[in-house]
PDB file of N, CA and C in Angstrom:
ATOM      1  N   MET A   1      36.350  -0.852   1.740  1.00  0.00           N
ATOM      2  CA  MET A   1      36.604  -1.638   0.559  1.00  0.00           C
ATOM      3  C   MET A   1      37.629  -2.755   0.873  1.00  0.00           C
ATOM      4  N   THR A   2      38.497  -2.538   1.702  1.00  0.00           N
ATOM      5  CA  THR A   2      39.522  -3.481   2.113  1.00  0.00           C
ATOM      6  C   THR A   2      38.934  -4.885   2.573  1.00  0.00           C
ATOM      7  N   ALA A   3      37.835  -4.676   3.420  1.00  0.00           N
ATOM      8  CA  ALA A   3      37.147  -5.827   3.921  1.00  0.00           C
ATOM      9  C   ALA A   3      36.556  -6.698   2.779  1.00  0.00           C
ATOM     10  N   ALA A   4      35.947  -5.991   1.861  1.00  0.00           N
ATOM     11  CA  ALA A   4      35.399  -6.831   0.692  1.00  0.00           C
ATOM     12  C   ALA A   4      36.406  -7.536  -0.051  1.00  0.00           C
ATOM     13  N   PHE A   5      37.483  -6.955  -0.376  1.00  0.00           N
ATOM     14  CA  PHE A   5      38.550  -7.531  -1.066  1.00  0.00           C
ATOM     15  C   PHE A   5      39.243  -8.716  -0.286  1.00  0.00           C
ATOM     16  N   GLU A   6      39.363  -8.458   0.958  1.00  0.00           N
ATOM     17  CA  GLU A   6      39.917  -9.592   1.816  1.00  0.00           C
ATOM     18  C   GLU A   6      38.972 -10.718   2.025  1.00  0.00           C
ATOM     19  N   ALA A   7      37.740 -10.537   1.894  1.00  0.00           N
ATOM     20  CA  ALA A   7      36.647 -11.568   1.993  1.00  0.00           C
ATOM     21  C   ALA A   7      36.617 -12.374   0.687  1.00  0.00           C
ATOM     22  N   LYS A   8      36.851 -11.724  -0.405  1.00  0.00           N
ATOM     23  CA  LYS A   8      36.744 -12.273  -1.691  1.00  0.00           C
ATOM     24  C   LYS A   8      38.058 -12.998  -2.020  1.00  0.00           C
ATOM     25  N   TYR A   9      39.167 -12.382  -1.613  1.00  0.00           N
ATOM     26  CA  TYR A   9      40.504 -12.896  -1.918  1.00  0.00           C
ATOM     27  C   TYR A   9      41.365 -13.155  -0.535  1.00  0.00           C
ATOM     28  N   PRO A  10      41.037 -14.063   0.294  1.00  0.00           N
ATOM     29  CA  PRO A  10      41.713 -14.219   1.538  1.00  0.00           C
ATOM     30  C   PRO A  10      43.200 -14.609   1.258  1.00  0.00           C
ATOM     31  N   LYS A  11      44.222 -14.147   2.100  1.00  0.00           N
ATOM     32  CA  LYS A  11      45.529 -14.472   2.006  1.00  0.00           C
ATOM     33  C   LYS A  11      46.134 -13.756   0.762  1.00  0.00           C
ATOM     34  N   THR A  12      45.578 -12.789   0.244  1.00  0.00           N
ATOM     35  CA  THR A  12      46.056 -12.059  -0.981  1.00  0.00           C
ATOM     36  C   THR A  12      46.215 -10.597  -0.620  1.00  0.00           C
ATOM     37  N   LYS A  13      47.401 -10.079  -0.918  1.00  0.00           N
ATOM     38  CA  LYS A  13      47.626  -8.684  -0.719  1.00  0.00           C
ATOM     39  C   LYS A  13      47.493  -7.844  -1.995  1.00  0.00           C
ATOM     40  N   ALA A  14      46.782  -6.614  -1.762  1.00  0.00           N
ATOM     41  CA  ALA A  14      46.628  -5.805  -2.850  1.00  0.00           C
ATOM     42  C   ALA A  14      47.900  -5.018  -3.134  1.00  0.00           C
ATOM     43  N   SER A  15      48.294  -4.872  -4.400  1.00  0.00           N
ATOM     44  CA  SER A  15      49.403  -4.118  -4.730  1.00  0.00           C
ATOM     45  C   SER A  15      49.135  -2.601  -5.179  1.00  0.00           C
ATOM     46  N   LYS A  16      47.864  -2.295  -5.561  1.00  0.00           N
ATOM     47  CA  LYS A  16      47.456  -1.060  -5.852  1.00  0.00           C
ATOM     48  C   LYS A  16      45.971  -1.001  -5.835  1.00  0.00           C
ATOM     49  N   ALA A  17      45.366   0.217  -5.441  1.00  0.00           N
ATOM     50  CA  ALA A  17      43.997   0.514  -5.433  1.00  0.00           C
ATOM     51  C   ALA A  17      43.718   1.819  -5.988  1.00  0.00           C
ATOM     52  N   GLU A  18      42.693   1.872  -6.805  1.00  0.00           N
ATOM     53  CA  GLU A  18      42.381   3.057  -7.629  1.00  0.00           C
ATOM     54  C   GLU A  18      40.917   3.319  -7.521  1.00  0.00           C
ATOM     55  N   LYS A  19      40.437   4.549  -7.146  1.00  0.00           N
ATOM     56  CA  LYS A  19      39.118   4.896  -7.093  1.00  0.00           C
ATOM     57  C   LYS A  19      38.722   5.536  -8.435  1.00  0.00           C
ATOM     58  N   GLN A  20      37.627   5.147  -8.945  1.00  0.00           N
ATOM     59  CA  GLN A  20      37.116   5.786 -10.226  1.00  0.00           C
ATOM     60  C   GLN A  20      35.755   6.290 -10.175  1.00  0.00           C
ATOM     61  N   THR A  21      35.549   7.496 -10.508  1.00  0.00           N
ATOM     62  CA  THR A  21      34.146   8.039 -10.571  1.00  0.00           C
ATOM     63  C   THR A  21      33.742   8.359 -11.989  1.00  0.00           C
ATOM     64  N   LYS A  22      32.631   7.742 -12.282  1.00  0.00           N
ATOM     65  CA  LYS A  22      32.161   7.885 -13.592  1.00  0.00           C
ATOM     66  C   LYS A  22      31.395   9.289 -13.694  1.00  0.00           C
ATOM     67  N   ALA A  23      31.048   9.656 -14.984  1.00  0.00           N
ATOM     68  CA  ALA A  23      30.283  10.895 -15.198  1.00  0.00           C
ATOM     69  C   ALA A  23      28.917  10.916 -14.442  1.00  0.00           C
ATOM     70  N   ASP A  24      28.315   9.846 -14.245  1.00  0.00           N
ATOM     71  CA  ASP A  24      27.078   9.730 -13.502  1.00  0.00           C
ATOM     72  C   ASP A  24      27.150   9.784 -11.977  1.00  0.00           C
ATOM     73  N   GLY A  25      28.288   9.825 -11.570  1.00  0.00           N
ATOM     74  CA  GLY A  25      28.680   9.858 -10.099  1.00  0.00           C
ATOM     75  C   GLY A  25      28.838   8.476  -9.461  1.00  0.00           C
ATOM     76  N   THR A  26      28.724   7.436 -10.219  1.00  0.00           N
ATOM     77  CA  THR A  26      28.966   6.128  -9.711  1.00  0.00           C
ATOM     78  C   THR A  26      30.434   5.943  -9.437  1.00  0.00           C
ATOM     79  N   VAL A  27      30.729   5.406  -8.141  1.00  0.00           N
ATOM     80  CA  VAL A  27      32.076   5.247  -7.793  1.00  0.00           C
ATOM     81  C   VAL A  27      32.489   3.708  -7.683  1.00  0.00           C
ATOM     82  N   THR A  28      33.600   3.339  -8.323  1.00  0.00           N
ATOM     83  CA  THR A  28      34.107   1.939  -8.141  1.00  0.00           C
ATOM     84  C   THR A  28      35.450   2.055  -7.784  1.00  0.00           C
ATOM     85  N   TYR A  29      35.928   0.834  -7.308  1.00  0.00           N
ATOM     86  CA  TYR A  29      37.430   0.752  -6.852  1.00  0.00           C
ATOM     87  C   TYR A  29      38.016  -0.457  -7.526  1.00  0.00           C
ATOM     88  N   GLU A  30      39.156  -0.095  -8.280  1.00  0.00           N
ATOM     89  CA  GLU A  30      39.904  -1.291  -8.898  1.00  0.00           C
ATOM     90  C   GLU A  30      41.088  -1.529  -8.030  1.00  0.00           C
ATOM     91  N   ILE A  31      41.147  -2.842  -7.701  1.00  0.00           N
ATOM     92  CA  ILE A  31      42.250  -3.283  -6.826  1.00  0.00           C
ATOM     93  C   ILE A  31      43.066  -4.357  -7.534  1.00  0.00           C
ATOM     94  N   ALA A  32      44.429  -4.020  -7.748  1.00  0.00           N
ATOM     95  CA  ALA A  32      45.400  -4.875  -8.400  1.00  0.00           C
ATOM     96  C   ALA A  32      45.980  -5.767  -7.302  1.00  0.00           C
ATOM     97  N   PHE A  33      46.342  -7.035  -7.845  1.00  0.00           N
ATOM     98  CA  PHE A  33      46.842  -8.035  -7.032  1.00  0.00           C
ATOM     99  C   PHE A  33      47.475  -9.074  -7.916  1.00  0.00           C
ATOM    100  N   LYS A  34      48.330  -9.956  -7.255  1.00  0.00           N
ATOM    101  CA  LYS A  34      48.892 -11.040  -7.963  1.00  0.00           C
ATOM    102  C   LYS A  34      48.396 -12.320  -7.303  1.00  0.00           C
ATOM    103  N   ASP A  35      48.175 -13.426  -8.173  1.00  0.00           N
ATOM    104  CA  ASP A  35      47.752 -14.642  -7.556  1.00  0.00           C
ATOM    105  C   ASP A  35      48.970 -15.439  -7.184  1.00  0.00           C
ATOM    106  N   ALA A  36      48.771 -16.668  -6.710  1.00  0.00           N
ATOM    107  CA  ALA A  36      49.820 -17.505  -6.175  1.00  0.00           C
ATOM    108  C   ALA A  36      50.981 -17.806  -7.208  1.00  0.00           C
ATOM    109  N   LYS A  37      50.594 -17.700  -8.407  1.00  0.00           N
ATOM    110  CA  LYS A  37      51.650 -17.955  -9.419  1.00  0.00           C
ATOM    111  C   LYS A  37      52.265 -16.760 -10.095  1.00  0.00           C
ATOM    112  N   GLY A  38      51.981 -15.548  -9.427  1.00  0.00           N
ATOM    113  CA  GLY A  38      52.512 -14.389  -9.855  1.00  0.00           C
ATOM    114  C   GLY A  38      51.786 -13.664 -10.963  1.00  0.00           C
ATOM    115  N   LYS A  39      50.769 -14.155 -11.369  1.00  0.00           N
ATOM    116  CA  LYS A  39      50.009 -13.450 -12.504  1.00  0.00           C
ATOM    117  C   LYS A  39      49.191 -12.303 -11.943  1.00  0.00           C
ATOM    118  N   LYS A  40      49.230 -11.191 -12.693  1.00  0.00           N
ATOM    119  CA  LYS A  40      48.569  -9.905 -12.263  1.00  0.00           C
ATOM    120  C   LYS A  40      47.011 -10.061 -12.538  1.00  0.00           C
ATOM    121  N   HIS A  41      46.329  -9.498 -11.609  1.00  0.00           N
ATOM    122  CA  HIS A  41      44.731  -9.394 -11.782  1.00  0.00           C
ATOM    123  C   HIS A  41      44.446  -8.031 -11.230  1.00  0.00           C
ATOM    124  N   GLU A  42      43.033  -7.705 -11.678  1.00  0.00           N
ATOM    125  CA  GLU A  42      42.422  -6.463 -11.179  1.00  0.00           C
ATOM    126  C   GLU A  42      41.007  -6.958 -10.710  1.00  0.00           C
ATOM    127  N   ALA A  43      40.573  -6.606  -9.595  1.00  0.00           N
ATOM    128  CA  ALA A  43      39.246  -6.761  -9.247  1.00  0.00           C
ATOM    129  C   ALA A  43      38.569  -5.467  -8.974  1.00  0.00           C
ATOM    130  N   THR A  44      37.321  -5.342  -9.484  1.00  0.00           N
ATOM    131  CA  THR A  44      36.509  -4.226  -9.348  1.00  0.00           C
ATOM    132  C   THR A  44      35.381  -4.318  -8.315  1.00  0.00           C
ATOM    133  N   PHE A  45      35.193  -3.401  -7.457  1.00  0.00           N
ATOM    134  CA  PHE A  45      34.174  -3.435  -6.485  1.00  0.00           C
ATOM    135  C   PHE A  45      33.341  -2.147  -6.500  1.00  0.00           C
ATOM    136  N   LYS A  46      32.022  -2.241  -6.313  1.00  0.00           N
ATOM    137  CA  LYS A  46      31.328  -0.863  -6.086  1.00  0.00           C
ATOM    138  C   LYS A  46      31.590  -0.259  -4.783  1.00  0.00           C
ATOM    139  N   GLU A  47      31.085   0.950  -4.522  1.00  0.00           N
ATOM    140  CA  GLU A  47      31.454   1.699  -3.436  1.00  0.00           C
ATOM    141  C   GLU A  47      30.910   0.968  -2.150  1.00  0.00           C
ATOM    142  N   ASP A  48      29.839   0.150  -2.219  1.00  0.00           N
ATOM    143  CA  ASP A  48      29.377  -0.526  -1.089  1.00  0.00           C
ATOM    144  C   ASP A  48      30.016  -1.818  -0.888  1.00  0.00           C
ATOM    145  N   GLY A  49      31.022  -2.159  -1.633  1.00  0.00           N
ATOM    146  CA  GLY A  49      31.768  -3.418  -1.446  1.00  0.00           C
ATOM    147  C   GLY A  49      31.258  -4.619  -2.306  1.00  0.00           C
ATOM    148  N   THR A  50      30.306  -4.378  -3.042  1.00  0.00           N
ATOM    149  CA  THR A  50      29.838  -5.492  -3.979  1.00  0.00           C
ATOM    150  C   THR A  50      30.895  -5.683  -5.051  1.00  0.00           C
ATOM    151  N   PHE A  51      31.202  -7.013  -5.246  1.00  0.00           N
ATOM    152  CA  PHE A  51      32.074  -7.458  -6.270  1.00  0.00           C
ATOM    153  C   PHE A  51      31.512  -7.139  -7.709  1.00  0.00           C
ATOM    154  N   VAL A  52      32.115  -6.665  -8.677  1.00  0.00           N
ATOM    155  CA  VAL A  52      31.715  -6.416  -9.984  1.00  0.00           C
ATOM    156  C   VAL A  52      32.311  -7.253 -10.928  1.00  0.00           C
ATOM    157  N   GLU A  53      33.692  -7.390 -11.152  1.00  0.00           N
ATOM    158  CA  GLU A  53      34.355  -8.228 -12.022  1.00  0.00           C
ATOM    159  C   GLU A  53      35.788  -8.303 -11.685  1.00  0.00           C
ATOM    160  N   GLU A  54      36.412  -9.364 -12.296  1.00  0.00           N
ATOM    161  CA  GLU A  54      37.862  -9.658 -12.281  1.00  0.00           C
ATOM    162  C   GLU A  54      38.473  -9.689 -13.554  1.00  0.00           C
ATOM    163  N   GLU A  55      39.575  -9.064 -13.769  1.00  0.00           N
ATOM    164  CA  GLU A  55      40.259  -9.034 -14.998  1.00  0.00           C
ATOM    165  C   GLU A  55      41.619  -9.777 -14.977  1.00  0.00           C
TER     166      GLU A  55
END
């Protein structure tokens, strides 16, 4: 998952990562990080590294 995050957000360090498993068995990872201005964001990736969304 780290490689997918680093590819999408180069030069950005994750501050927190959380694995989530839904009732149907689907696994996603939410990775928290700050942008260059210090604003907090979360990016969600599927288990295979596919980007889902950014909040």
